[in-house]
Amino acid sequence: MNSAPNAPSSPKKASLSGILEMLPDFSLRSRNSFGFEALAEQAYSITDAEQIGAVMEGIDATGLPWRVLGGGSNVILAPTLPGVTLLMDITGQTITHQDGSGTVITVGAGVNWHDFVLWTLDHGLPGLENLALIPGTVGAAPIQNIGAYGVEVGEYIQSIKAFDCESKALVTIAASDCAFTYRNSLFKENPHRYIITRVHFYLPAAWSPRLRYADLAAAFANRHAPTAEEVMVAVCKIRNRKLPDPKLIGNAGSFFQNPIVEKAQYLALLKQFPELVSYPEGDEGSGKRKLAAGWMIDRCGFKGVRAGAVGVYQHQALVLVNHGGGNADSVLALAKTIQDKVQDTFGVTLAIEPIRY
């Protein structure tokens, strides 16, 4: 989730905090959805925001490199992570305000994202159903501004509680100050500054299904307006059809961002590739288009390709997978091959979504 610049690792194994147990040489295989073998030199399980200050004091004093890890669904881990790894394990979700216009929910950063989506629906609070089954934790969701099927999480965030590594204090950041854009945010742009501890969501009482994307529209064609629960079920079916379960095949979901291009470049590409898949982006008048990276990768012949222990998922070219025994170097080498081919074919640069540690 967050990282600080690398510094020489200290051989000392003493705990950085008197209130937290240090976990030496901690296996992170179950904390990254690729399933890569990785060891954290020193790990600390953060279960309360108040614990962070003491650990960060120790990190500042020793100069150790550090990072925060949630569910590990959007990371590429090296075999060894030097220094300190903070395991974000703050849990709990509570309705903190509710009136006729909507509901505010406060959620711990370590809560599983899909479990939280199901919790909102169980409590009659629709809005997040299009984001069902996205792997990872609630705390990681704002960093990447996760999105799917026409919805981005930033639309439903009221504010974020975080530890500010500059002021050494817990702060509350309003959604308007989070700089949410496509797969980006203040937290992604400043990865060394904020450690998200809780997220405050606002779900409006007024709700209607959002079915703009073709797969969802097709699922409810010629039918009554679906409930939020029905949309969630449809989203899960679509995702299960297209995306591998990390418990069965290691992966980090969408490996590349869908690139956004100007109108002129889009029209030139459309002339060359009439079947090009794209979506409007931003204001309609801008003419910008979001290109389907998966379609371009597939067009370049990579779907189902295997490169040793890693490969491209056979049902969705946007997903790189670990068949077993893969590592950061092997998946990044495959990604570079794909990026080069897409650049040569379409003149478009694909950006990698997962964070590399």
Protein backbone atom coordinates (compact mmCIF):
# COMPACT_ATOMS: atom_id res chain seq x y z
CA MET A 1 0.00 0.00 0.00
CA ASN A 2 2.72 2.47 0.98
CA SER A 3 6.48 2.47 0.78
CA ALA A 4 9.47 4.53 1.82
CA PRO A 5 12.75 4.95 -0.07
CA ASN A 6 15.17 2.10 0.36
CA ALA A 7 17.84 2.38 3.02
CA PRO A 8 20.50 -0.08 4.18
CA SER A 9 18.92 -2.84 6.22
CA SER A 10 19.96 -3.08 9.87
CA PRO A 11 21.13 -6.47 11.15
CA LYS A 12 19.45 -5.75 14.49
CA LYS A 13 16.29 -7.74 15.13
CA ALA A 14 15.08 -5.87 18.23
CA SER A 15 11.47 -4.74 18.17
CA LEU A 16 10.98 -1.13 17.07
CA SER A 17 8.08 -0.73 19.47
CA GLY A 18 7.51 -1.82 23.03
CA ILE A 19 3.80 -2.34 22.37
CA LEU A 20 4.07 -4.55 19.29
CA GLU A 21 5.65 -7.94 18.72
CA MET A 22 8.14 -8.04 15.87
CA LEU A 23 7.68 -11.02 13.55
CA PRO A 24 11.11 -11.89 12.06
CA ASP A 25 11.47 -13.47 8.60
CA PHE A 26 7.70 -13.50 8.23
CA SER A 27 6.32 -15.40 5.24
CA LEU A 28 4.19 -13.23 2.95
CA ARG A 29 3.09 -15.99 0.60
CA SER A 30 -0.47 -15.79 1.92
CA ARG A 31 -0.34 -11.96 1.88
CA ASN A 32 0.13 -11.60 -1.89
CA SER A 33 -2.42 -12.85 -4.41
CA PHE A 34 0.28 -13.87 -6.89
CA GLY A 35 1.34 -16.45 -4.32
CA PHE A 36 5.01 -15.55 -4.71
CA GLU A 37 7.40 -16.81 -2.05
CA ALA A 38 8.45 -13.73 -0.09
CA LEU A 39 9.87 -13.04 3.36
CA ALA A 40 9.51 -9.83 5.37
CA GLU A 41 12.69 -9.22 7.33
CA GLN A 42 10.63 -7.63 10.11
CA ALA A 43 6.83 -7.58 10.21
CA TYR A 44 4.37 -5.92 12.59
CA SER A 45 0.63 -6.59 12.69
CA ILE A 46 -1.18 -3.25 13.00
CA THR A 47 -4.56 -3.75 14.67
CA ASP A 48 -5.04 -0.20 15.99
CA ALA A 49 -4.15 3.14 14.42
CA GLU A 50 -2.54 4.27 17.69
CA GLN A 51 0.19 1.63 17.23
CA ILE A 52 1.57 3.22 14.09
CA GLY A 53 3.24 6.24 15.69
CA ALA A 54 5.50 4.15 17.92
CA VAL A 55 6.60 1.89 15.08
CA MET A 56 7.27 4.86 12.78
CA GLU A 57 9.41 6.47 15.49
CA GLY A 58 11.57 3.34 15.49
CA ILE A 59 11.74 3.31 11.70
CA ASP A 60 12.81 6.95 11.62
CA ALA A 61 15.46 6.29 14.26
CA THR A 62 16.98 3.31 12.44
CA GLY A 63 16.54 4.47 8.84
CA LEU A 64 15.07 1.11 7.86
CA PRO A 65 13.09 0.84 4.61
CA TRP A 66 9.40 0.15 5.14
CA ARG A 67 6.11 -0.49 3.43
CA VAL A 68 2.48 -1.30 4.34
CA LEU A 69 0.82 -4.48 3.12
CA GLY A 70 -2.89 -5.21 3.20
CA GLY A 71 -4.31 -8.18 1.33
CA GLY A 72 -1.52 -8.07 -1.25
CA SER A 73 -3.92 -8.16 -4.20
CA ASN A 74 -2.22 -5.35 -6.11
CA VAL A 75 1.46 -5.95 -5.41
CA ILE A 76 4.46 -7.71 -6.90
CA LEU A 77 6.71 -8.87 -4.08
CA ALA A 78 10.44 -9.51 -4.31
CA PRO A 79 11.74 -12.70 -2.60
CA THR A 80 12.96 -10.67 0.40
CA LEU A 81 11.53 -7.41 1.72
CA PRO A 82 14.23 -5.69 3.76
CA GLY A 83 13.46 -3.56 6.76
CA VAL A 84 9.92 -3.29 8.09
CA THR A 85 6.60 -4.49 6.70
CA LEU A 86 3.50 -3.19 8.45
CA LEU A 87 0.64 -5.67 8.09
CA MET A 88 -2.58 -3.66 7.97
CA ASP A 89 -5.00 -5.65 10.16
CA ILE A 90 -7.38 -2.96 11.46
CA THR A 91 -10.89 -4.43 11.22
CA GLY A 92 -14.50 -3.51 11.92
CA GLN A 93 -17.27 -1.63 10.15
CA THR A 94 -19.86 0.61 11.82
CA ILE A 95 -22.75 2.81 10.70
CA THR A 96 -21.74 6.15 12.20
CA HIS A 97 -24.53 8.35 10.80
CA GLN A 98 -27.79 7.74 8.98
CA ASP A 99 -30.63 10.00 7.88
CA GLY A 100 -33.06 10.33 5.03
CA SER A 101 -30.41 11.34 2.53
CA GLY A 102 -27.87 8.61 3.15
CA THR A 103 -25.60 6.59 5.42
CA VAL A 104 -22.03 7.06 6.64
CA ILE A 105 -20.07 3.88 7.37
CA THR A 106 -16.65 3.79 9.04
CA VAL A 107 -14.54 0.79 8.02
CA GLY A 108 -11.14 -0.49 9.15
CA ALA A 109 -8.40 -0.53 6.53
CA GLY A 110 -7.76 -4.24 7.04
CA VAL A 111 -11.32 -5.34 6.23
CA ASN A 112 -11.66 -7.55 3.16
CA TRP A 113 -13.19 -5.44 0.38
CA HIS A 114 -15.67 -7.99 -1.00
CA ASP A 115 -16.80 -8.91 2.51
CA PHE A 116 -17.53 -5.23 3.12
CA VAL A 117 -19.56 -4.95 -0.10
CA LEU A 118 -21.65 -7.94 1.00
CA TRP A 119 -22.06 -6.35 4.45
CA THR A 120 -23.48 -3.16 2.93
CA LEU A 121 -26.03 -5.13 0.93
CA ASP A 122 -26.97 -7.24 3.95
CA HIS A 123 -27.73 -3.96 5.74
CA GLY A 124 -29.83 -2.61 2.85
CA LEU A 125 -27.20 -0.09 1.73
CA PRO A 126 -26.71 -0.28 -2.06
CA GLY A 127 -24.12 1.56 -4.13
CA LEU A 128 -20.98 -0.59 -4.11
CA GLU A 129 -22.44 -3.68 -5.83
CA ASN A 130 -20.60 -3.01 -9.14
CA LEU A 131 -17.34 -3.33 -7.21
CA ALA A 132 -18.12 -6.78 -5.81
CA LEU A 133 -15.45 -9.49 -5.83
CA ILE A 134 -12.54 -7.10 -6.34
CA PRO A 135 -9.75 -8.63 -4.24
CA GLY A 136 -7.92 -6.71 -1.55
CA THR A 137 -8.70 -4.63 1.52
CA VAL A 138 -10.73 -1.52 2.20
CA GLY A 139 -7.57 0.47 2.98
CA ALA A 140 -6.02 -0.33 -0.37
CA ALA A 141 -9.17 0.57 -2.34
CA PRO A 142 -8.72 4.38 -2.24
CA ILE A 143 -5.04 4.23 -3.14
CA GLN A 144 -5.76 2.72 -6.54
CA ASN A 145 -9.25 4.26 -6.68
CA ILE A 146 -10.50 0.80 -7.63
CA GLY A 147 -13.20 0.68 -10.26
CA ALA A 148 -15.28 -1.76 -12.27
CA TYR A 149 -18.33 -1.70 -14.52
CA GLY A 150 -18.65 2.07 -14.59
CA VAL A 151 -18.17 2.72 -10.85
CA GLU A 152 -15.13 4.00 -8.94
CA VAL A 153 -14.78 3.74 -5.18
CA GLY A 154 -13.85 7.42 -4.87
CA GLU A 155 -17.45 8.32 -5.72
CA TYR A 156 -18.61 6.85 -2.41
CA ILE A 157 -15.83 7.97 -0.06
CA GLN A 158 -16.63 10.81 2.34
CA SER A 159 -13.22 11.03 4.04
CA ILE A 160 -10.20 8.98 5.01
CA LYS A 161 -8.42 8.60 8.34
CA ALA A 162 -4.68 8.15 7.96
CA PHE A 163 -1.38 8.46 9.80
CA ASP A 164 0.55 11.36 8.28
CA CYS A 165 4.24 10.40 8.28
CA GLU A 166 5.24 14.07 7.98
CA SER A 167 3.21 15.51 10.86
CA LYS A 168 3.47 12.24 12.84
CA ALA A 169 -0.24 12.43 13.61
CA LEU A 170 -3.55 10.88 12.64
CA VAL A 171 -5.38 13.12 10.17
CA THR A 172 -8.73 13.12 8.39
CA ILE A 173 -8.66 13.84 4.67
CA ALA A 174 -11.86 14.86 2.90
CA ALA A 175 -12.69 13.06 -0.34
CA SER A 176 -12.40 16.37 -2.21
CA ASP A 177 -8.73 16.49 -1.18
CA CYS A 178 -7.95 12.89 -2.19
CA ALA A 179 -7.38 13.77 -5.88
CA PHE A 180 -9.27 10.73 -7.13
CA THR A 181 -8.83 10.10 -10.85
CA TYR A 182 -8.73 6.96 -12.99
CA ARG A 183 -6.72 4.39 -10.95
CA ASN A 184 -5.00 7.18 -9.06
CA SER A 185 -5.22 9.24 -5.89
CA LEU A 186 -3.35 11.50 -3.48
CA PHE A 187 -2.17 8.36 -1.68
CA LYS A 188 -0.75 6.74 -4.79
CA GLU A 189 1.00 9.99 -5.73
CA ASN A 190 2.47 10.32 -2.19
CA PRO A 191 3.20 6.70 -1.24
CA HIS A 192 5.63 7.58 1.55
CA ARG A 193 3.39 10.00 3.41
CA TYR A 194 0.05 8.47 4.40
CA ILE A 195 -0.89 5.17 6.03
CA ILE A 196 -4.63 4.69 5.66
CA THR A 197 -6.25 3.37 8.85
CA ARG A 198 -10.00 3.82 8.26
CA VAL A 199 -12.28 4.85 5.41
CA HIS A 200 -15.56 6.74 5.84
CA PHE A 201 -18.04 5.88 3.09
CA TYR A 202 -21.21 7.79 2.22
CA LEU A 203 -23.93 5.78 0.51
CA PRO A 204 -26.86 7.93 -0.70
CA ALA A 205 -30.37 6.71 0.05
CA ALA A 206 -31.40 7.38 -3.55
CA TRP A 207 -30.21 4.51 -5.72
CA SER A 208 -30.63 3.14 -9.22
CA PRO A 209 -28.70 0.33 -10.97
CA ARG A 210 -25.70 1.34 -13.04
CA LEU A 211 -25.64 -0.92 -16.07
CA ARG A 212 -23.70 1.08 -18.64
CA TYR A 213 -21.09 -1.58 -19.37
CA ALA A 214 -22.05 -4.08 -22.03
CA ASP A 215 -21.71 -7.22 -19.92
CA LEU A 216 -24.03 -5.89 -17.24
CA ALA A 217 -26.47 -4.43 -19.75
CA ALA A 218 -26.65 -7.80 -21.49
CA ALA A 219 -27.25 -9.59 -18.19
CA PHE A 220 -30.43 -7.58 -17.62
CA ALA A 221 -31.60 -7.02 -21.21
CA ASN A 222 -35.37 -7.15 -21.59
CA ARG A 223 -35.81 -7.59 -17.84
CA HIS A 224 -37.12 -5.55 -14.94
CA ALA A 225 -34.81 -3.07 -13.24
CA PRO A 226 -32.58 -5.25 -11.04
CA THR A 227 -32.04 -4.92 -7.31
CA ALA A 228 -28.59 -4.13 -5.94
CA GLU A 229 -28.26 -7.76 -4.86
CA GLU A 230 -29.04 -8.95 -8.38
CA VAL A 231 -26.43 -6.59 -9.81
CA MET A 232 -23.88 -7.93 -7.30
CA VAL A 233 -24.63 -11.53 -8.29
CA ALA A 234 -24.32 -10.65 -11.99
CA VAL A 235 -21.01 -8.86 -11.39
CA CYS A 236 -19.64 -11.88 -9.51
CA LYS A 237 -20.70 -14.22 -12.32
CA ILE A 238 -19.05 -12.02 -14.95
CA ARG A 239 -15.84 -11.68 -12.93
CA ASN A 240 -15.69 -15.42 -12.23
CA ARG A 241 -16.15 -16.12 -15.91
CA LYS A 242 -13.36 -13.77 -16.96
CA LEU A 243 -10.94 -13.68 -14.04
CA PRO A 244 -9.12 -16.48 -12.21
CA ASP A 245 -9.60 -17.07 -8.50
CA PRO A 246 -6.27 -16.14 -6.80
CA LYS A 247 -6.77 -19.10 -4.45
CA LEU A 248 -6.53 -21.39 -7.48
CA ILE A 249 -4.25 -19.45 -9.86
CA GLY A 250 -1.98 -16.71 -8.51
CA ASN A 251 -2.73 -13.31 -10.02
CA ALA A 252 -3.15 -9.63 -9.16
CA GLY A 253 -6.27 -9.01 -11.23
CA SER A 254 -5.92 -6.50 -14.05
CA PHE A 255 -2.17 -6.19 -14.56
CA PHE A 256 -2.27 -3.19 -16.90
CA GLN A 257 -4.27 0.02 -16.82
CA ASN A 258 -6.59 0.80 -19.70
CA PRO A 259 -4.71 3.64 -21.46
CA ILE A 260 -6.45 6.96 -22.10
CA VAL A 261 -5.71 8.65 -25.45
CA GLU A 262 -6.64 11.91 -27.12
CA LYS A 263 -9.35 12.05 -29.78
CA ALA A 264 -6.93 12.35 -32.69
CA GLN A 265 -4.95 9.27 -31.69
CA TYR A 266 -8.16 7.33 -31.08
CA LEU A 267 -9.54 8.19 -34.53
CA ALA A 268 -6.26 7.20 -36.19
CA LEU A 269 -6.25 3.87 -34.36
CA LEU A 270 -9.91 3.28 -35.18
CA LYS A 271 -9.17 3.79 -38.86
CA GLN A 272 -6.41 1.18 -38.70
CA PHE A 273 -8.28 -1.16 -36.33
CA PRO A 274 -12.07 -0.76 -36.89
CA GLU A 275 -12.82 -3.37 -34.22
CA LEU A 276 -10.89 -1.43 -31.53
CA VAL A 277 -12.66 -1.61 -28.16
CA SER A 278 -12.85 1.67 -26.24
CA TYR A 279 -15.00 3.71 -23.87
CA PRO A 280 -15.65 7.44 -23.43
CA GLU A 281 -13.43 9.09 -20.84
CA GLY A 282 -14.10 12.31 -18.96
CA ASP A 283 -16.24 15.06 -20.46
CA GLU A 284 -17.96 14.04 -23.67
CA GLY A 285 -16.67 17.14 -25.39
CA SER A 286 -13.03 16.19 -24.77
CA GLY A 287 -13.21 13.26 -27.15
CA LYS A 288 -10.78 11.29 -24.99
CA ARG A 289 -11.16 7.52 -25.07
CA LYS A 290 -10.17 4.76 -22.68
CA LEU A 291 -8.79 1.87 -24.74
CA ALA A 292 -9.34 -1.74 -23.68
CA ALA A 293 -5.83 -2.93 -22.83
CA GLY A 294 -7.01 -6.54 -22.71
CA TRP A 295 -8.28 -6.33 -26.29
CA MET A 296 -4.95 -4.93 -27.51
CA ILE A 297 -2.96 -7.62 -25.70
CA ASP A 298 -5.24 -10.29 -27.14
CA ARG A 299 -4.87 -8.76 -30.63
CA CYS A 300 -1.11 -9.08 -30.22
CA GLY A 301 -1.51 -12.83 -29.66
CA PHE A 302 -0.71 -13.09 -25.94
CA LYS A 303 -3.91 -14.57 -24.54
CA GLY A 304 -3.09 -17.96 -23.01
CA VAL A 305 0.64 -17.61 -23.66
CA ARG A 306 2.90 -19.18 -21.05
CA ALA A 307 6.46 -18.11 -20.21
CA GLY A 308 7.83 -20.68 -17.80
CA ALA A 309 6.02 -20.47 -14.49
CA VAL A 310 4.01 -17.36 -15.43
CA GLY A 311 1.68 -16.55 -18.27
CA VAL A 312 -1.34 -14.67 -19.61
CA TYR A 313 -4.72 -15.94 -18.47
CA GLN A 314 -6.48 -17.89 -21.20
CA HIS A 315 -9.85 -16.17 -20.66
CA GLN A 316 -8.68 -12.59 -20.07
CA ALA A 317 -5.53 -11.17 -21.63
CA LEU A 318 -5.41 -8.32 -19.10
CA VAL A 319 -4.50 -10.77 -16.32
CA LEU A 320 -1.02 -12.22 -15.79
CA VAL A 321 -0.88 -15.40 -13.72
CA ASN A 322 1.53 -17.47 -11.65
CA HIS A 323 1.10 -21.15 -12.52
CA GLY A 324 3.37 -22.04 -9.59
CA GLY A 325 7.01 -21.22 -8.88
CA GLY A 326 6.95 -17.80 -10.52
CA ASN A 327 8.50 -14.68 -9.03
CA ALA A 328 8.67 -10.93 -9.49
CA ASP A 329 11.40 -11.08 -12.13
CA SER A 330 9.58 -13.60 -14.30
CA VAL A 331 6.23 -11.80 -14.30
CA LEU A 332 7.88 -8.42 -14.96
CA ALA A 333 9.87 -9.89 -17.87
CA LEU A 334 6.63 -11.15 -19.43
CA ALA A 335 4.98 -7.78 -18.81
CA LYS A 336 7.86 -6.00 -20.60
CA THR A 337 7.47 -8.27 -23.62
CA ILE A 338 3.75 -7.43 -23.76
CA GLN A 339 4.35 -3.70 -23.33
CA ASP A 340 6.90 -3.65 -26.15
CA LYS A 341 4.59 -5.48 -28.56
CA VAL A 342 1.59 -3.27 -27.79
CA GLN A 343 3.76 -0.18 -28.23
CA ASP A 344 5.05 -1.42 -31.58
CA THR A 345 1.56 -2.39 -32.80
CA PHE A 346 -0.63 0.44 -31.51
CA GLY A 347 1.79 3.17 -30.46
CA VAL A 348 0.28 3.01 -26.97
CA THR A 349 2.14 2.60 -23.69
CA LEU A 350 0.64 0.20 -21.16
CA ALA A 351 1.16 1.12 -17.50
CA ILE A 352 1.48 -1.64 -14.89
CA GLU A 353 -1.17 -1.48 -12.15
CA PRO A 354 0.38 -3.53 -9.30
CA ILE A 355 2.87 -1.86 -7.00
CA ARG A 356 6.35 -3.37 -7.02
CA TYR A 357 8.13 -4.00 -3.70
